[in-house]
Amino acid sequence: MLQRIVGPETAAAMVLFGERFDGAEAVEHGLAYRCVDDDALLAEVGRMAARAASVPRELALRAKDTLGRVATLNEHRAAVDLELEAQIWSLGQPFFAERLARLRARVSGRSGEKPAG
């Protein structure tokens, strides 16, 4: 798995030579999503957790399952088909229309228009 993320040379350096990365280097090599200063860490974790908690449970479970399954595929077409199936499923869920309406209202508010409702 490490070789898939960082490549064989970097993986070998990490394993054989004990090469370590700081936060910025970990992001650069695809080992971390984001690097923040120590004093901002808890606030950033709170923001990310709040966003994750706002996602409907069914959607989060389906997305995690799809991401895991896609990661095992080597054929582009099979990955696209799997992702498309999940996206079509989400379109039929009640939360989709609710989230879309909130997004539209937010976007309309940015353009100077008052959101409906």
Protein backbone atom coordinates (compact mmCIF):
# COMPACT_ATOMS: atom_id res chain seq x y z
CA MET A 1 0.00 0.00 0.00
CA LEU A 2 2.78 2.45 0.87
CA GLN A 3 4.37 1.92 -2.54
CA ARG A 4 1.09 2.79 -4.26
CA ILE A 5 0.95 6.08 -2.40
CA VAL A 6 4.54 7.32 -2.47
CA GLY A 7 6.18 5.13 -5.12
CA PRO A 8 8.75 2.36 -4.71
CA GLU A 9 11.81 4.55 -4.14
CA THR A 10 10.26 6.65 -1.38
CA ALA A 11 8.70 3.57 0.23
CA ALA A 12 12.10 1.87 0.25
CA ALA A 13 13.74 4.94 1.79
CA MET A 14 11.11 5.03 4.51
CA VAL A 15 11.34 1.33 5.32
CA LEU A 16 15.04 0.65 4.79
CA PHE A 17 16.59 3.96 5.87
CA GLY A 18 14.00 5.09 8.40
CA GLU A 19 13.22 8.21 6.34
CA ARG A 20 10.58 10.34 8.09
CA PHE A 21 8.52 13.29 6.90
CA ASP A 22 7.29 16.39 8.65
CA GLY A 23 3.68 17.46 8.08
CA ALA A 24 4.28 19.43 4.89
CA GLU A 25 6.36 16.62 3.38
CA ALA A 26 3.70 14.06 4.33
CA VAL A 27 1.12 16.14 2.42
CA GLU A 28 3.50 16.50 -0.52
CA HIS A 29 3.94 12.71 -0.71
CA GLY A 30 0.22 11.96 -0.34
CA LEU A 31 0.48 10.54 3.18
CA ALA A 32 -1.58 13.28 4.81
CA TYR A 33 -4.53 15.35 3.70
CA ARG A 34 -3.53 18.65 5.24
CA CYS A 35 -0.84 20.12 7.46
CA VAL A 36 -1.78 22.73 10.05
CA ASP A 37 0.13 24.49 12.80
CA ASP A 38 -0.01 22.81 16.20
CA ASP A 39 -2.05 25.65 17.69
CA ALA A 40 -4.67 25.33 14.92
CA LEU A 41 -4.95 21.55 15.01
CA LEU A 42 -7.88 21.14 17.40
CA ALA A 43 -9.94 23.83 15.69
CA GLU A 44 -9.32 22.26 12.29
CA VAL A 45 -10.22 18.80 13.59
CA GLY A 46 -13.44 20.27 14.99
CA ARG A 47 -14.34 21.87 11.65
CA MET A 48 -13.65 18.67 9.75
CA ALA A 49 -15.59 16.56 12.25
CA ALA A 50 -18.56 18.91 12.05
CA ARG A 51 -18.62 18.64 8.25
CA ALA A 52 -18.38 14.86 8.44
CA ALA A 53 -21.16 14.72 11.04
CA SER A 54 -23.43 16.78 8.77
CA VAL A 55 -23.39 14.08 6.08
CA PRO A 56 -26.38 11.73 6.25
CA ARG A 57 -25.34 8.38 7.73
CA GLU A 58 -26.54 6.36 4.72
CA LEU A 59 -24.54 8.56 2.37
CA ALA A 60 -21.38 8.34 4.48
CA LEU A 61 -21.62 4.55 4.64
CA ARG A 62 -22.24 4.26 0.91
CA ALA A 63 -19.38 6.64 0.08
CA LYS A 64 -16.94 4.75 2.31
CA ASP A 65 -18.00 1.46 0.77
CA THR A 66 -17.64 2.83 -2.76
CA LEU A 67 -14.21 4.34 -2.04
CA GLY A 68 -13.02 1.02 -0.62
CA ARG A 69 -14.35 -0.99 -3.54
CA VAL A 70 -12.98 1.40 -6.18
CA ALA A 71 -9.53 1.19 -4.60
CA THR A 72 -9.42 -2.53 -5.41
CA LEU A 73 -10.19 -2.04 -9.11
CA ASN A 74 -7.58 -1.76 -11.82
CA GLU A 75 -9.88 -1.04 -14.75
CA HIS A 76 -11.03 2.53 -15.26
CA ARG A 77 -14.39 1.53 -16.75
CA ALA A 78 -15.23 -0.70 -13.78
CA ALA A 79 -14.39 2.13 -11.37
CA VAL A 80 -16.55 4.60 -13.32
CA ASP A 81 -19.45 2.13 -13.38
CA LEU A 82 -19.22 1.58 -9.62
CA GLU A 83 -19.07 5.29 -8.87
CA LEU A 84 -21.92 6.02 -11.26
CA GLU A 85 -24.08 3.41 -9.55
CA ALA A 86 -23.45 5.07 -6.18
CA GLN A 87 -24.16 8.54 -7.55
CA ILE A 88 -27.42 7.42 -9.13
CA TRP A 89 -28.39 5.84 -5.80
CA SER A 90 -27.73 9.12 -3.99
CA LEU A 91 -29.90 11.06 -6.45
CA GLY A 92 -32.90 9.01 -5.34
CA GLN A 93 -32.39 9.61 -1.62
CA PRO A 94 -34.51 12.16 0.29
CA PHE A 95 -31.45 13.95 1.63
CA PHE A 96 -30.24 14.75 -1.90
CA ALA A 97 -33.00 17.26 -2.62
CA GLU A 98 -32.56 18.85 0.82
CA ARG A 99 -28.81 19.27 0.43
CA LEU A 100 -29.18 20.54 -3.13
CA ALA A 101 -31.68 23.18 -1.99
CA ARG A 102 -29.28 24.36 0.74
CA LEU A 103 -26.42 24.54 -1.76
CA ARG A 104 -28.52 26.51 -4.23
CA ALA A 105 -29.53 28.95 -1.50
CA ARG A 106 -25.91 29.40 -0.45
CA VAL A 107 -24.74 29.97 -4.03
CA SER A 108 -27.59 32.39 -4.71
CA GLY A 109 -26.64 34.32 -1.56
CA ARG A 110 -23.09 34.76 -2.85
CA SER A 111 -24.25 36.28 -6.11
CA GLY A 112 -26.05 39.06 -4.30
CA GLU A 113 -29.48 37.49 -4.66
CA LYS A 114 -31.52 36.62 -1.61
CA PRO A 115 -31.97 32.86 -1.17
CA ALA A 116 -35.54 31.63 -1.55
CA GLY A 117 -37.31 30.49 1.57
